[in-house]
Amino acid sequence: MVRLHTILSLTLLSSAAFSTMTVSKAQRELETMVDLVKRELLKTDEFRIFGGDFVIVPQIELNTDDDSANPNANLSPMGDIEFGVMVNQSLLEIEDDIAILFALAHELGHGFSAALLEQINCSQVGGSATEVIADLGAVRLLQAKGLSLAVIDKSISQWEFSNIFNPEVSGDHPAGAERYRFVAMAIQQLEQGKKFINVVNHIIRNELAADCPKN
């Protein structure tokens, strides 16, 4: 009886390990995060981007044309002025839900990063800084969602396993190890009680050596 119970338990655990996040579940998670951005980060009624001409809506679409084994998500038009998140199946099949949430939060981070850069007087920066600040924004957004910094760090530290970061430099994206280094640095500073905006300021100005006017 004990052996049978053990076998059943292992079978259930094995099945759970290969479960996938559905589009509908991902969309519910995105809806929660969009609401958090509006209430906690931007403190506005709408999540507007690109100078206010477009608005983020909590909508996810599956890109059926992207059959890559690499997880992928992008901010994409969903209407005349609406942007949502387009994902591929490989992203939804990541076994770590927190890694999936981080990828979605990273895309939203592109939407509110302009507001963060304006706060630290670095609005003119581009290139890799835009991807790093989206990662930092994702950390803050998941924290606002109720996830502990330790849990976030544990998930993202496994980026090579979840494949959410490219090992090599890709476009404006720094190499995966470098992206995680900045994520871990931000988490450490937040755990020390530093304000998020000060963490962003330090990493963008000092670690990335962005050419920003003095505060």
C-alpha atoms as a PDB file:
ATOM      1  CA  MET A   1       0.000   0.000   0.000  1.00  0.00           C
ATOM      2  CA  VAL A   2       2.808   2.383   0.861  1.00  0.00           C
ATOM      3  CA  ARG A   3       4.627   1.487  -2.361  1.00  0.00           C
ATOM      4  CA  LEU A   4       1.456   2.048  -4.425  1.00  0.00           C
ATOM      5  CA  HIS A   5       0.910   5.439  -2.745  1.00  0.00           C
ATOM      6  CA  THR A   6       4.499   6.391  -3.540  1.00  0.00           C
ATOM      7  CA  ILE A   7       4.112   5.382  -7.187  1.00  0.00           C
ATOM      8  CA  LEU A   8       0.880   7.396  -7.498  1.00  0.00           C
ATOM      9  CA  SER A   9       2.519  10.426  -5.884  1.00  0.00           C
ATOM     10  CA  LEU A  10       5.484  10.271  -8.244  1.00  0.00           C
ATOM     11  CA  THR A  11       3.131   9.944 -11.214  1.00  0.00           C
ATOM     12  CA  LEU A  12       1.204  13.035 -10.140  1.00  0.00           C
ATOM     13  CA  LEU A  13       4.406  14.994  -9.616  1.00  0.00           C
ATOM     14  CA  SER A  14       5.692  13.937 -13.021  1.00  0.00           C
ATOM     15  CA  SER A  15       2.449  15.020 -14.698  1.00  0.00           C
ATOM     16  CA  ALA A  16       2.531  18.379 -12.940  1.00  0.00           C
ATOM     17  CA  ALA A  17       6.101  18.996 -14.094  1.00  0.00           C
ATOM     18  CA  PHE A  18       5.015  18.847 -17.726  1.00  0.00           C
ATOM     19  CA  SER A  19       1.867  20.958 -17.368  1.00  0.00           C
ATOM     20  CA  THR A  20       1.717  24.083 -19.531  1.00  0.00           C
ATOM     21  CA  MET A  21       0.274  27.521 -18.923  1.00  0.00           C
ATOM     22  CA  THR A  22      -2.713  28.202 -21.150  1.00  0.00           C
ATOM     23  CA  VAL A  23      -3.323  31.415 -23.054  1.00  0.00           C
ATOM     24  CA  SER A  24      -6.383  32.132 -20.896  1.00  0.00           C
ATOM     25  CA  LYS A  25      -4.418  31.698 -17.651  1.00  0.00           C
ATOM     26  CA  ALA A  26      -1.574  33.842 -18.986  1.00  0.00           C
ATOM     27  CA  GLN A  27      -4.096  36.512 -19.939  1.00  0.00           C
ATOM     28  CA  ARG A  28      -5.548  36.525 -16.412  1.00  0.00           C
ATOM     29  CA  GLU A  29      -2.034  36.960 -15.023  1.00  0.00           C
ATOM     30  CA  LEU A  30      -1.385  39.762 -17.510  1.00  0.00           C
ATOM     31  CA  GLU A  31      -4.619  41.488 -16.473  1.00  0.00           C
ATOM     32  CA  THR A  32      -3.477  41.461 -12.842  1.00  0.00           C
ATOM     33  CA  MET A  33      -0.090  42.895 -13.769  1.00  0.00           C
ATOM     34  CA  VAL A  34      -1.495  45.612 -16.032  1.00  0.00           C
ATOM     35  CA  ASP A  35      -3.735  46.694 -13.165  1.00  0.00           C
ATOM     36  CA  LEU A  36      -0.729  46.754 -10.821  1.00  0.00           C
ATOM     37  CA  VAL A  37       1.232  48.919 -13.248  1.00  0.00           C
ATOM     38  CA  LYS A  38      -1.604  51.438 -13.332  1.00  0.00           C
ATOM     39  CA  ARG A  39      -2.212  51.439  -9.572  1.00  0.00           C
ATOM     40  CA  GLU A  40       1.251  50.915  -8.094  1.00  0.00           C
ATOM     41  CA  LEU A  41       3.775  52.161 -10.641  1.00  0.00           C
ATOM     42  CA  LEU A  42       2.201  54.758 -12.913  1.00  0.00           C
ATOM     43  CA  LYS A  43      -0.725  55.754 -10.674  1.00  0.00           C
ATOM     44  CA  THR A  44      -2.892  56.439 -13.716  1.00  0.00           C
ATOM     45  CA  ASP A  45      -6.215  55.174 -15.020  1.00  0.00           C
ATOM     46  CA  GLU A  46      -4.685  53.968 -18.273  1.00  0.00           C
ATOM     47  CA  PHE A  47      -1.411  52.264 -19.146  1.00  0.00           C
ATOM     48  CA  ARG A  48      -0.318  54.458 -22.047  1.00  0.00           C
ATOM     49  CA  ILE A  49       2.886  54.015 -24.044  1.00  0.00           C
ATOM     50  CA  PHE A  50       4.871  55.659 -26.847  1.00  0.00           C
ATOM     51  CA  GLY A  51       4.167  59.203 -25.718  1.00  0.00           C
ATOM     52  CA  GLY A  52       0.590  58.420 -24.764  1.00  0.00           C
ATOM     53  CA  ASP A  53      -0.610  57.606 -28.273  1.00  0.00           C
ATOM     54  CA  PHE A  54      -1.176  53.916 -27.514  1.00  0.00           C
ATOM     55  CA  VAL A  55      -2.572  51.983 -24.556  1.00  0.00           C
ATOM     56  CA  ILE A  56      -1.631  48.599 -23.102  1.00  0.00           C
ATOM     57  CA  VAL A  57      -4.570  46.204 -22.774  1.00  0.00           C
ATOM     58  CA  PRO A  58      -4.496  42.874 -20.895  1.00  0.00           C
ATOM     59  CA  GLN A  59      -4.648  40.748 -24.010  1.00  0.00           C
ATOM     60  CA  ILE A  60      -2.459  37.828 -25.018  1.00  0.00           C
ATOM     61  CA  GLU A  61      -2.366  36.250 -28.438  1.00  0.00           C
ATOM     62  CA  LEU A  62      -0.582  33.082 -29.438  1.00  0.00           C
ATOM     63  CA  ASN A  63       1.745  33.486 -32.399  1.00  0.00           C
ATOM     64  CA  THR A  64       1.024  30.273 -34.287  1.00  0.00           C
ATOM     65  CA  ASP A  65       3.602  31.203 -36.936  1.00  0.00           C
ATOM     66  CA  ASP A  66       6.425  31.100 -34.381  1.00  0.00           C
ATOM     67  CA  ASP A  67       7.342  27.446 -33.951  1.00  0.00           C
ATOM     68  CA  SER A  68      10.767  28.208 -32.487  1.00  0.00           C
ATOM     69  CA  ALA A  69      11.960  26.142 -29.552  1.00  0.00           C
ATOM     70  CA  ASN A  70      13.073  29.400 -27.918  1.00  0.00           C
ATOM     71  CA  PRO A  71      10.491  31.149 -25.702  1.00  0.00           C
ATOM     72  CA  ASN A  72       9.437  34.491 -27.098  1.00  0.00           C
ATOM     73  CA  ALA A  73       7.105  37.369 -26.179  1.00  0.00           C
ATOM     74  CA  ASN A  74       6.657  40.824 -27.673  1.00  0.00           C
ATOM     75  CA  LEU A  75       4.478  43.879 -27.233  1.00  0.00           C
ATOM     76  CA  SER A  76       2.237  43.755 -30.296  1.00  0.00           C
ATOM     77  CA  PRO A  77      -0.651  45.786 -31.765  1.00  0.00           C
ATOM     78  CA  MET A  78      -4.077  44.403 -30.847  1.00  0.00           C
ATOM     79  CA  GLY A  79      -6.143  47.199 -32.387  1.00  0.00           C
ATOM     80  CA  ASP A  80      -5.925  50.750 -33.655  1.00  0.00           C
ATOM     81  CA  ILE A  81      -4.362  52.090 -30.456  1.00  0.00           C
ATOM     82  CA  GLU A  82      -4.174  48.963 -28.282  1.00  0.00           C
ATOM     83  CA  PHE A  83      -1.089  46.904 -27.578  1.00  0.00           C
ATOM     84  CA  GLY A  84      -1.038  43.515 -25.902  1.00  0.00           C
ATOM     85  CA  VAL A  85       1.498  40.700 -25.678  1.00  0.00           C
ATOM     86  CA  MET A  86       2.155  38.151 -28.402  1.00  0.00           C
ATOM     87  CA  VAL A  87       3.691  34.884 -27.186  1.00  0.00           C
ATOM     88  CA  ASN A  88       4.792  31.647 -28.766  1.00  0.00           C
ATOM     89  CA  GLN A  89       3.949  28.155 -27.580  1.00  0.00           C
ATOM     90  CA  SER A  90       7.475  27.564 -26.289  1.00  0.00           C
ATOM     91  CA  LEU A  91       7.011  30.340 -23.738  1.00  0.00           C
ATOM     92  CA  LEU A  92       3.797  28.812 -22.433  1.00  0.00           C
ATOM     93  CA  GLU A  93       5.494  25.424 -22.135  1.00  0.00           C
ATOM     94  CA  ILE A  94       8.193  26.619 -19.725  1.00  0.00           C
ATOM     95  CA  GLU A  95       7.786  24.468 -16.625  1.00  0.00           C
ATOM     96  CA  ASP A  96       8.424  27.395 -14.263  1.00  0.00           C
ATOM     97  CA  ASP A  97       5.361  29.679 -14.116  1.00  0.00           C
ATOM     98  CA  ILE A  98       7.397  32.454 -12.480  1.00  0.00           C
ATOM     99  CA  ALA A  99       9.761  32.503 -15.459  1.00  0.00           C
ATOM    100  CA  ILE A 100       6.717  32.899 -17.724  1.00  0.00           C
ATOM    101  CA  LEU A 101       5.401  35.729 -15.557  1.00  0.00           C
ATOM    102  CA  PHE A 102       8.815  37.401 -15.675  1.00  0.00           C
ATOM    103  CA  ALA A 103       8.801  37.270 -19.474  1.00  0.00           C
ATOM    104  CA  LEU A 104       5.325  38.845 -19.580  1.00  0.00           C
ATOM    105  CA  ALA A 105       6.320  41.444 -16.978  1.00  0.00           C
ATOM    106  CA  HIS A 106       9.443  42.249 -19.016  1.00  0.00           C
ATOM    107  CA  GLU A 107       7.242  43.173 -21.983  1.00  0.00           C
ATOM    108  CA  LEU A 108       5.099  45.391 -19.765  1.00  0.00           C
ATOM    109  CA  GLY A 109       8.352  46.832 -18.447  1.00  0.00           C
ATOM    110  CA  HIS A 110       9.027  48.194 -21.907  1.00  0.00           C
ATOM    111  CA  GLY A 111       5.771  50.074 -21.527  1.00  0.00           C
ATOM    112  CA  PHE A 112       6.558  51.800 -18.225  1.00  0.00           C
ATOM    113  CA  SER A 113      10.350  52.056 -18.550  1.00  0.00           C
ATOM    114  CA  ALA A 114      10.041  55.512 -20.124  1.00  0.00           C
ATOM    115  CA  ALA A 115       8.430  56.774 -16.918  1.00  0.00           C
ATOM    116  CA  LEU A 116      11.267  55.265 -14.854  1.00  0.00           C
ATOM    117  CA  LEU A 117      13.950  56.769 -17.060  1.00  0.00           C
ATOM    118  CA  GLU A 118      12.268  60.159 -16.841  1.00  0.00           C
ATOM    119  CA  GLN A 119      12.348  59.952 -13.049  1.00  0.00           C
ATOM    120  CA  ILE A 120      16.121  59.446 -13.067  1.00  0.00           C
ATOM    121  CA  ASN A 121      16.701  62.038 -15.809  1.00  0.00           C
ATOM    122  CA  CYS A 122      17.893  59.447 -18.331  1.00  0.00           C
ATOM    123  CA  SER A 123      15.120  59.622 -20.913  1.00  0.00           C
ATOM    124  CA  GLN A 124      17.553  59.718 -23.823  1.00  0.00           C
ATOM    125  CA  VAL A 125      19.210  56.339 -23.203  1.00  0.00           C
ATOM    126  CA  GLY A 126      18.725  53.494 -25.655  1.00  0.00           C
ATOM    127  CA  GLY A 127      20.271  50.184 -26.617  1.00  0.00           C
ATOM    128  CA  SER A 128      20.922  47.583 -23.921  1.00  0.00           C
ATOM    129  CA  ALA A 129      19.713  49.939 -21.166  1.00  0.00           C
ATOM    130  CA  THR A 130      16.150  49.628 -22.503  1.00  0.00           C
ATOM    131  CA  GLU A 131      16.265  45.860 -22.038  1.00  0.00           C
ATOM    132  CA  VAL A 132      17.931  45.993 -18.630  1.00  0.00           C
ATOM    133  CA  ILE A 133      15.386  48.475 -17.294  1.00  0.00           C
ATOM    134  CA  ALA A 134      12.573  46.254 -18.578  1.00  0.00           C
ATOM    135  CA  ASP A 135      14.114  43.383 -16.577  1.00  0.00           C
ATOM    136  CA  LEU A 136      14.333  45.592 -13.480  1.00  0.00           C
ATOM    137  CA  GLY A 137      10.738  46.662 -14.004  1.00  0.00           C
ATOM    138  CA  ALA A 138       9.737  43.001 -14.232  1.00  0.00           C
ATOM    139  CA  VAL A 139      11.329  42.315 -10.845  1.00  0.00           C
ATOM    140  CA  ARG A 140       9.444  45.217  -9.267  1.00  0.00           C
ATOM    141  CA  LEU A 141       6.175  44.191 -10.905  1.00  0.00           C
ATOM    142  CA  LEU A 142       6.414  40.594  -9.700  1.00  0.00           C
ATOM    143  CA  GLN A 143       7.246  41.900  -6.233  1.00  0.00           C
ATOM    144  CA  ALA A 144       4.137  44.118  -6.369  1.00  0.00           C
ATOM    145  CA  LYS A 145       2.207  41.015  -7.400  1.00  0.00           C
ATOM    146  CA  GLY A 146       3.154  39.434  -4.072  1.00  0.00           C
ATOM    147  CA  LEU A 147       6.115  37.251  -5.004  1.00  0.00           C
ATOM    148  CA  SER A 148       9.057  37.349  -2.646  1.00  0.00           C
ATOM    149  CA  LEU A 149      12.387  38.567  -3.967  1.00  0.00           C
ATOM    150  CA  ALA A 150      13.951  35.241  -2.976  1.00  0.00           C
ATOM    151  CA  VAL A 151      11.417  33.320  -5.061  1.00  0.00           C
ATOM    152  CA  ILE A 152      11.943  35.630  -8.038  1.00  0.00           C
ATOM    153  CA  ASP A 153      15.719  35.256  -7.771  1.00  0.00           C
ATOM    154  CA  LYS A 154      15.518  31.469  -7.503  1.00  0.00           C
ATOM    155  CA  SER A 155      13.485  31.321 -10.707  1.00  0.00           C
ATOM    156  CA  ILE A 156      15.509  33.760 -12.790  1.00  0.00           C
ATOM    157  CA  SER A 157      18.807  32.251 -11.634  1.00  0.00           C
ATOM    158  CA  GLN A 158      17.727  29.171 -13.589  1.00  0.00           C
ATOM    159  CA  TRP A 159      17.526  31.158 -16.836  1.00  0.00           C
ATOM    160  CA  GLU A 160      19.718  28.660 -18.673  1.00  0.00           C
ATOM    161  CA  PHE A 161      17.226  25.908 -17.853  1.00  0.00           C
ATOM    162  CA  SER A 162      14.049  27.893 -18.591  1.00  0.00           C
ATOM    163  CA  ASN A 163      15.709  29.506 -21.611  1.00  0.00           C
ATOM    164  CA  ILE A 164      14.099  32.896 -20.969  1.00  0.00           C
ATOM    165  CA  PHE A 165      17.419  34.649 -21.684  1.00  0.00           C
ATOM    166  CA  ASN A 166      19.571  34.145 -24.751  1.00  0.00           C
ATOM    167  CA  PRO A 167      23.094  33.046 -23.752  1.00  0.00           C
ATOM    168  CA  GLU A 168      24.581  35.406 -26.322  1.00  0.00           C
ATOM    169  CA  VAL A 169      24.032  39.091 -27.045  1.00  0.00           C
ATOM    170  CA  SER A 170      20.902  39.408 -29.184  1.00  0.00           C
ATOM    171  CA  GLY A 171      20.016  42.798 -30.621  1.00  0.00           C
ATOM    172  CA  ASP A 172      19.783  45.186 -27.660  1.00  0.00           C
ATOM    173  CA  HIS A 173      19.542  42.258 -25.221  1.00  0.00           C
ATOM    174  CA  PRO A 174      22.724  41.690 -23.237  1.00  0.00           C
ATOM    175  CA  ALA A 175      23.944  38.101 -22.877  1.00  0.00           C
ATOM    176  CA  GLY A 176      21.919  36.016 -20.424  1.00  0.00           C
ATOM    177  CA  ALA A 177      24.571  35.945 -17.700  1.00  0.00           C
ATOM    178  CA  GLU A 178      24.810  39.730 -17.793  1.00  0.00           C
ATOM    179  CA  ARG A 179      21.023  40.159 -17.668  1.00  0.00           C
ATOM    180  CA  TYR A 180      20.815  37.895 -14.646  1.00  0.00           C
ATOM    181  CA  ARG A 181      23.690  39.780 -12.989  1.00  0.00           C
ATOM    182  CA  PHE A 182      21.654  42.985 -13.104  1.00  0.00           C
ATOM    183  CA  VAL A 183      18.509  41.201 -11.903  1.00  0.00           C
ATOM    184  CA  ALA A 184      20.418  39.679  -8.968  1.00  0.00           C
ATOM    185  CA  MET A 185      21.989  43.057  -8.171  1.00  0.00           C
ATOM    186  CA  ALA A 186      18.581  44.729  -8.110  1.00  0.00           C
ATOM    187  CA  ILE A 187      17.133  42.013  -5.892  1.00  0.00           C
ATOM    188  CA  GLN A 188      20.040  42.297  -3.459  1.00  0.00           C
ATOM    189  CA  GLN A 189      19.651  46.066  -3.193  1.00  0.00           C
ATOM    190  CA  LEU A 190      15.880  45.816  -2.765  1.00  0.00           C
ATOM    191  CA  GLU A 191      16.406  43.254  -0.009  1.00  0.00           C
ATOM    192  CA  GLN A 192      18.678  45.809   1.680  1.00  0.00           C
ATOM    193  CA  GLY A 193      15.731  48.206   1.759  1.00  0.00           C
ATOM    194  CA  LYS A 194      16.763  50.526  -1.044  1.00  0.00           C
ATOM    195  CA  LYS A 195      14.019  52.260  -3.013  1.00  0.00           C
ATOM    196  CA  PHE A 196      13.354  50.769  -6.406  1.00  0.00           C
ATOM    197  CA  ILE A 197      13.911  54.018  -8.293  1.00  0.00           C
ATOM    198  CA  ASN A 198      17.310  54.409  -6.584  1.00  0.00           C
ATOM    199  CA  VAL A 199      18.212  50.869  -7.618  1.00  0.00           C
ATOM    200  CA  VAL A 200      17.287  51.689 -11.210  1.00  0.00           C
ATOM    201  CA  ASN A 201      19.304  54.903 -11.052  1.00  0.00           C
ATOM    202  CA  HIS A 202      22.403  53.087  -9.762  1.00  0.00           C
ATOM    203  CA  ILE A 203      22.314  50.299 -12.321  1.00  0.00           C
ATOM    204  CA  ILE A 204      21.588  52.500 -15.330  1.00  0.00           C
ATOM    205  CA  ARG A 205      24.100  55.217 -14.432  1.00  0.00           C
ATOM    206  CA  ASN A 206      26.880  53.287 -12.709  1.00  0.00           C
ATOM    207  CA  GLU A 207      26.745  49.699 -13.945  1.00  0.00           C
ATOM    208  CA  LEU A 208      25.736  50.450 -17.530  1.00  0.00           C
ATOM    209  CA  ALA A 209      27.594  53.775 -17.533  1.00  0.00           C
ATOM    210  CA  ALA A 210      24.715  55.408 -19.395  1.00  0.00           C
ATOM    211  CA  ASP A 211      25.450  58.952 -20.518  1.00  0.00           C
ATOM    212  CA  CYS A 212      22.775  60.756 -18.501  1.00  0.00           C
ATOM    213  CA  PRO A 213      22.666  64.346 -17.260  1.00  0.00           C
ATOM    214  CA  LYS A 214      23.439  64.777 -13.590  1.00  0.00           C
ATOM    215  CA  ASN A 215      20.464  64.430 -11.256  1.00  0.00           C
END
